[in-house]
Each structure stands twice: as structure tokens, then as C-alpha cells.
PDB file of N, CA and C in Angstrom:
ATOM      1  N   MET A   1     -96.349   7.662  84.042  1.00  0.00           N
ATOM      2  CA  MET A   1     -96.602   6.934  82.825  1.00  0.00           C
ATOM      3  C   MET A   1     -96.003   5.538  82.936  1.00  0.00           C
ATOM      4  N   GLY A   2     -96.790   4.566  82.574  1.00  0.00           N
ATOM      5  CA  GLY A   2     -96.313   3.201  82.593  1.00  0.00           C
ATOM      6  C   GLY A   2     -95.764   2.800  81.242  1.00  0.00           C
ATOM      7  N   PHE A   3     -95.263   1.619  81.175  1.00  0.00           N
ATOM      8  CA  PHE A   3     -94.716   1.107  79.920  1.00  0.00           C
ATOM      9  C   PHE A   3     -95.830   1.044  78.877  1.00  0.00           C
ATOM     10  N   GLY A   4     -95.575   1.553  77.713  1.00  0.00           N
ATOM     11  CA  GLY A   4     -96.562   1.513  76.639  1.00  0.00           C
ATOM     12  C   GLY A   4     -97.511   2.696  76.644  1.00  0.00           C
ATOM     13  N   SER A   5     -97.460   3.525  77.655  1.00  0.00           N
ATOM     14  CA  SER A   5     -98.315   4.701  77.691  1.00  0.00           C
ATOM     15  C   SER A   5     -97.712   5.789  76.813  1.00  0.00           C
ATOM     16  N   TYR A   6     -98.561   6.634  76.289  1.00  0.00           N
ATOM     17  CA  TYR A   6     -98.070   7.731  75.465  1.00  0.00           C
ATOM     18  C   TYR A   6     -99.067   8.869  75.519  1.00  0.00           C
ATOM     19  N   ASP A   7     -98.580   9.999  75.159  1.00  0.00           N
ATOM     20  CA  ASP A   7     -99.421  11.180  75.079  1.00  0.00           C
ATOM     21  C   ASP A   7    -100.015  11.206  73.670  1.00  0.00           C
ATOM     22  N   GLU A   8    -101.333  11.143  73.551  1.00  0.00           N
ATOM     23  CA  GLU A   8    -101.975  11.087  72.239  1.00  0.00           C
ATOM     24  C   GLU A   8    -101.631  12.289  71.374  1.00  0.00           C
ATOM     25  N   SER A   9    -101.375  13.430  71.975  1.00  0.00           N
ATOM     26  CA  SER A   9    -101.046  14.615  71.175  1.00  0.00           C
ATOM     27  C   SER A   9     -99.723  14.424  70.445  1.00  0.00           C
ATOM     28  N   GLU A  10     -98.838  13.581  70.944  1.00  0.00           N
ATOM     29  CA  GLU A  10     -97.564  13.320  70.278  1.00  0.00           C
ATOM     30  C   GLU A  10     -97.753  12.440  69.042  1.00  0.00           C
ATOM     31  N   GLN A  11     -98.864  11.736  68.948  1.00  0.00           N
ATOM     32  CA  GLN A  11     -99.097  10.802  67.859  1.00  0.00           C
ATOM     33  C   GLN A  11     -99.839  11.435  66.687  1.00  0.00           C
ATOM     34  N   GLN A  12    -100.337  12.625  66.864  1.00  0.00           N
ATOM     35  CA  GLN A  12    -101.077  13.289  65.799  1.00  0.00           C
ATOM     36  C   GLN A  12    -100.111  13.846  64.760  1.00  0.00           C
ATOM     37  N   GLN A  13    -100.590  13.936  63.531  1.00  0.00           N
ATOM     38  CA  GLN A  13     -99.781  14.509  62.460  1.00  0.00           C
ATOM     39  C   GLN A  13     -99.671  16.015  62.681  1.00  0.00           C
ATOM     40  N   PRO A  14     -98.484  16.556  62.556  1.00  0.00           N
ATOM     41  CA  PRO A  14     -98.333  18.012  62.738  1.00  0.00           C
ATOM     42  C   PRO A  14     -99.060  18.767  61.635  1.00  0.00           C
ATOM     43  N   GLN A  15     -99.659  19.862  62.011  1.00  0.00           N
ATOM     44  CA  GLN A  15    -100.357  20.702  61.045  1.00  0.00           C
ATOM     45  C   GLN A  15     -99.370  21.704  60.481  1.00  0.00           C
ATOM     46  N   ASP A  16     -99.235  21.709  59.190  1.00  0.00           N
ATOM     47  CA  ASP A  16     -98.308  22.620  58.526  1.00  0.00           C
ATOM     48  C   ASP A  16     -99.119  23.640  57.754  1.00  0.00           C
ATOM     49  N   ASP A  17     -99.100  24.876  58.214  1.00  0.00           N
ATOM     50  CA  ASP A  17     -99.871  25.932  57.569  1.00  0.00           C
ATOM     51  C   ASP A  17     -99.349  26.252  56.176  1.00  0.00           C
ATOM     52  N   ALA A  18     -98.110  25.915  55.891  1.00  0.00           N
ATOM     53  CA  ALA A  18     -97.523  26.208  54.586  1.00  0.00           C
ATOM     54  C   ALA A  18     -98.205  25.409  53.476  1.00  0.00           C
ATOM     55  N   ASP A  19     -98.805  24.266  53.799  1.00  0.00           N
ATOM     56  CA  ASP A  19     -99.469  23.434  52.801  1.00  0.00           C
ATOM     57  C   ASP A  19    -100.636  24.156  52.130  1.00  0.00           C
ATOM     58  N   GLU A  20    -101.220  25.116  52.801  1.00  0.00           N
ATOM     59  CA  GLU A  20    -102.370  25.810  52.253  1.00  0.00           C
ATOM     60  C   GLU A  20    -101.981  26.710  51.081  1.00  0.00           C
ATOM     61  N   ASP A  21    -100.720  27.124  50.998  1.00  0.00           N
ATOM     62  CA  ASP A  21    -100.265  28.036  49.962  1.00  0.00           C
ATOM     63  C   ASP A  21     -99.637  27.324  48.774  1.00  0.00           C
ATOM     64  N   VAL A  22     -99.690  26.008  48.744  1.00  0.00           N
ATOM     65  CA  VAL A  22     -99.058  25.242  47.678  1.00  0.00           C
ATOM     66  C   VAL A  22     -99.896  25.332  46.412  1.00  0.00           C
ATOM     67  N   GLU A  23     -99.222  25.627  45.299  1.00  0.00           N
ATOM     68  CA  GLU A  23     -99.920  25.708  44.018  1.00  0.00           C
ATOM     69  C   GLU A  23    -100.017  24.326  43.403  1.00  0.00           C
ATOM     70  N   ALA A  24    -100.989  24.149  42.546  1.00  0.00           N
ATOM     71  CA  ALA A  24    -101.164  22.871  41.848  1.00  0.00           C
ATOM     72  C   ALA A  24     -99.995  22.647  40.899  1.00  0.00           C
ATOM     73  N   VAL A  25     -99.666  21.394  40.688  1.00  0.00           N
ATOM     74  CA  VAL A  25     -98.588  21.036  39.782  1.00  0.00           C
ATOM     75  C   VAL A  25     -99.155  20.872  38.385  1.00  0.00           C
ATOM     76  N   ASN A  26     -98.518  21.501  37.420  1.00  0.00           N
ATOM     77  CA  ASN A  26     -98.929  21.382  36.025  1.00  0.00           C
ATOM     78  C   ASN A  26     -98.132  20.241  35.403  1.00  0.00           C
ATOM     79  N   VAL A  27     -98.767  19.090  35.224  1.00  0.00           N
ATOM     80  CA  VAL A  27     -98.071  17.915  34.696  1.00  0.00           C
ATOM     81  C   VAL A  27     -97.786  18.039  33.205  1.00  0.00           C
ATOM     82  N   HIS A  28     -98.385  19.008  32.544  1.00  0.00           N
ATOM     83  CA  HIS A  28     -98.185  19.192  31.106  1.00  0.00           C
ATOM     84  C   HIS A  28     -97.224  20.340  30.806  1.00  0.00           C
ATOM     85  N   GLU A  29     -96.556  20.832  31.828  1.00  0.00           N
ATOM     86  CA  GLU A  29     -95.672  21.978  31.662  1.00  0.00           C
ATOM     87  C   GLU A  29     -94.544  21.702  30.665  1.00  0.00           C
ATOM     88  N   HIS A  30     -94.049  20.478  30.642  1.00  0.00           N
ATOM     89  CA  HIS A  30     -92.908  20.150  29.794  1.00  0.00           C
ATOM     90  C   HIS A  30     -93.270  19.182  28.667  1.00  0.00           C
ATOM     91  N   ASP A  31     -94.531  19.158  28.267  1.00  0.00           N
ATOM     92  CA  ASP A  31     -94.935  18.327  27.133  1.00  0.00           C
ATOM     93  C   ASP A  31     -94.322  18.885  25.849  1.00  0.00           C
ATOM     94  N   HIS A  32     -93.980  17.984  24.952  1.00  0.00           N
ATOM     95  CA  HIS A  32     -93.399  18.396  23.683  1.00  0.00           C
ATOM     96  C   HIS A  32     -94.088  17.645  22.552  1.00  0.00           C
ATOM     97  N   ASP A  33     -94.378  18.353  21.504  1.00  0.00           N
ATOM     98  CA  ASP A  33     -94.930  17.730  20.305  1.00  0.00           C
ATOM     99  C   ASP A  33     -93.775  17.492  19.343  1.00  0.00           C
ATOM    100  N   GLY A  34     -93.790  16.358  18.697  1.00  0.00           N
ATOM    101  CA  GLY A  34     -92.732  16.090  17.743  1.00  0.00           C
ATOM    102  C   GLY A  34     -92.744  14.640  17.322  1.00  0.00           C
ATOM    103  N   GLN A  35     -91.718  14.270  16.622  1.00  0.00           N
ATOM    104  CA  GLN A  35     -91.603  12.910  16.129  1.00  0.00           C
ATOM    105  C   GLN A  35     -90.264  12.327  16.546  1.00  0.00           C
ATOM    106  N   LEU A  36     -90.243  11.028  16.640  1.00  0.00           N
ATOM    107  CA  LEU A  36     -89.021  10.306  16.947  1.00  0.00           C
ATOM    108  C   LEU A  36     -88.820   9.264  15.865  1.00  0.00           C
ATOM    109  N   GLU A  37     -87.661   9.289  15.269  1.00  0.00           N
ATOM    110  CA  GLU A  37     -87.341   8.311  14.233  1.00  0.00           C
ATOM    111  C   GLU A  37     -85.991   7.686  14.556  1.00  0.00           C
ATOM    112  N   PHE A  38     -85.864   6.402  14.238  1.00  0.00           N
ATOM    113  CA  PHE A  38     -84.577   5.737  14.391  1.00  0.00           C
ATOM    114  C   PHE A  38     -84.477   4.649  13.342  1.00  0.00           C
ATOM    115  N   GLU A  39     -83.260   4.299  13.041  1.00  0.00           N
ATOM    116  CA  GLU A  39     -83.022   3.258  12.062  1.00  0.00           C
ATOM    117  C   GLU A  39     -82.446   2.040  12.768  1.00  0.00           C
ATOM    118  N   SER A  40     -82.852   0.872  12.294  1.00  0.00           N
ATOM    119  CA  SER A  40     -82.375  -0.373  12.880  1.00  0.00           C
ATOM    120  C   SER A  40     -82.210  -1.400  11.771  1.00  0.00           C
ATOM    121  N   ASP A  41     -81.212  -2.259  11.925  1.00  0.00           N
ATOM    122  CA  ASP A  41     -81.007  -3.334  10.959  1.00  0.00           C
ATOM    123  C   ASP A  41     -81.911  -4.528  11.248  1.00  0.00           C
ATOM    124  N   ALA A  42     -82.573  -4.515  12.430  1.00  0.00           N
ATOM    125  CA  ALA A  42     -83.429  -5.629  12.818  1.00  0.00           C
ATOM    126  C   ALA A  42     -84.780  -5.520  12.116  1.00  0.00           C
ATOM    127  N   THR A  43     -85.342  -6.659  11.775  1.00  0.00           N
ATOM    128  CA  THR A  43     -86.673  -6.672  11.165  1.00  0.00           C
ATOM    129  C   THR A  43     -87.728  -6.590  12.262  1.00  0.00           C
ATOM    130  N   THR A  44     -88.937  -6.321  11.851  1.00  0.00           N
ATOM    131  CA  THR A  44     -90.045  -6.263  12.809  1.00  0.00           C
ATOM    132  C   THR A  44     -90.196  -7.599  13.523  1.00  0.00           C
ATOM    133  N   ASP A  45     -90.088  -8.711  12.801  1.00  0.00           N
ATOM    134  CA  ASP A  45     -90.209 -10.030  13.412  1.00  0.00           C
ATOM    135  C   ASP A  45     -89.116 -10.259  14.453  1.00  0.00           C
ATOM    136  N   GLN A  46     -87.907  -9.807  14.184  1.00  0.00           N
ATOM    137  CA  GLN A  46     -86.817  -9.967  15.141  1.00  0.00           C
ATOM    138  C   GLN A  46     -87.085  -9.147  16.403  1.00  0.00           C
ATOM    139  N   LEU A  47     -87.572  -7.936  16.231  1.00  0.00           N
ATOM    140  CA  LEU A  47     -87.863  -7.086  17.377  1.00  0.00           C
ATOM    141  C   LEU A  47     -88.996  -7.653  18.221  1.00  0.00           C
ATOM    142  N   VAL A  48     -90.033  -8.171  17.575  1.00  0.00           N
ATOM    143  CA  VAL A  48     -91.160  -8.771  18.295  1.00  0.00           C
ATOM    144  C   VAL A  48     -90.685 -10.010  19.041  1.00  0.00           C
ATOM    145  N   SER A  49     -89.834 -10.797  18.426  1.00  0.00           N
ATOM    146  CA  SER A  49     -89.288 -11.986  19.075  1.00  0.00           C
ATOM    147  C   SER A  49     -88.454 -11.596  20.297  1.00  0.00           C
ATOM    148  N   GLN A  50     -87.655 -10.565  20.159  1.00  0.00           N
ATOM    149  CA  GLN A  50     -86.822 -10.086  21.269  1.00  0.00           C
ATOM    150  C   GLN A  50     -87.703  -9.581  22.414  1.00  0.00           C
ATOM    151  N   LEU A  51     -88.778  -8.873  22.088  1.00  0.00           N
ATOM    152  CA  LEU A  51     -89.707  -8.387  23.103  1.00  0.00           C
ATOM    153  C   LEU A  51     -90.338  -9.558  23.836  1.00  0.00           C
ATOM    154  N   GLY A  52     -90.740 -10.609  23.093  1.00  0.00           N
ATOM    155  CA  GLY A  52     -91.324 -11.797  23.723  1.00  0.00           C
ATOM    156  C   GLY A  52     -90.349 -12.449  24.678  1.00  0.00           C
ATOM    157  N   ALA A  53     -89.078 -12.512  24.300  1.00  0.00           N
ATOM    158  CA  ALA A  53     -88.058 -13.108  25.165  1.00  0.00           C
ATOM    159  C   ALA A  53     -87.869 -12.269  26.434  1.00  0.00           C
ATOM    160  N   MET A  54     -87.916 -10.952  26.299  1.00  0.00           N
ATOM    161  CA  MET A  54     -87.781 -10.070  27.462  1.00  0.00           C
ATOM    162  C   MET A  54     -88.953 -10.251  28.425  1.00  0.00           C
ATOM    163  N   LYS A  55     -90.166 -10.386  27.882  1.00  0.00           N
ATOM    164  CA  LYS A  55     -91.335 -10.599  28.725  1.00  0.00           C
ATOM    165  C   LYS A  55     -91.262 -11.948  29.446  1.00  0.00           C
ATOM    166  N   ASP A  56     -90.759 -12.965  28.752  1.00  0.00           N
ATOM    167  CA  ASP A  56     -90.602 -14.290  29.366  1.00  0.00           C
ATOM    168  C   ASP A  56     -89.602 -14.235  30.519  1.00  0.00           C
ATOM    169  N   ASP A  57     -88.556 -13.428  30.378  1.00  0.00           N
ATOM    170  CA  ASP A  57     -87.543 -13.310  31.423  1.00  0.00           C
ATOM    171  C   ASP A  57     -88.109 -12.670  32.682  1.00  0.00           C
ATOM    172  N   GLU A  58     -89.097 -11.772  32.540  1.00  0.00           N
ATOM    173  CA  GLU A  58     -89.705 -11.118  33.681  1.00  0.00           C
ATOM    174  C   GLU A  58     -90.509 -12.079  34.522  1.00  0.00           C
ATOM    175  N   GLU A  59     -91.076 -13.096  33.910  1.00  0.00           N
ATOM    176  CA  GLU A  59     -91.941 -14.036  34.631  1.00  0.00           C
ATOM    177  C   GLU A  59     -91.142 -15.040  35.321  1.00  0.00           C
TER     178      GLU A  59
END
């Protein structure tokens, strides 16, 4: 073997037979129905202004 030569079989992805027995993932397994409430002293205008400032900082 010269420099840069390789065995093509070493470059192939290994076949894992265990992958065939994998069950599908249920992404809704831990969904919860409910409500979230919180109290704040800030007004809606203050919160919207703060959000705008945060978005400006990202750019």
C-alpha cells in the first residue's frame, strides 16, 4: 500500500443489526394540557419595548 491508499471496506459505515429493533419515538408522550399564569408590574408596552431591545441586541 502506498501513501494515501486505503481499503474501501474500512471506509464503509458499519451495519448495526440492532437498529432494526428500534421503536419509534413518541414526541407527545409528555405533553401536558393546562394554563400558565403570572403576574408582572410591567405594562404590555414596557414588555414589547423590552422585547424589541432584545431583538436589536441579537442583530
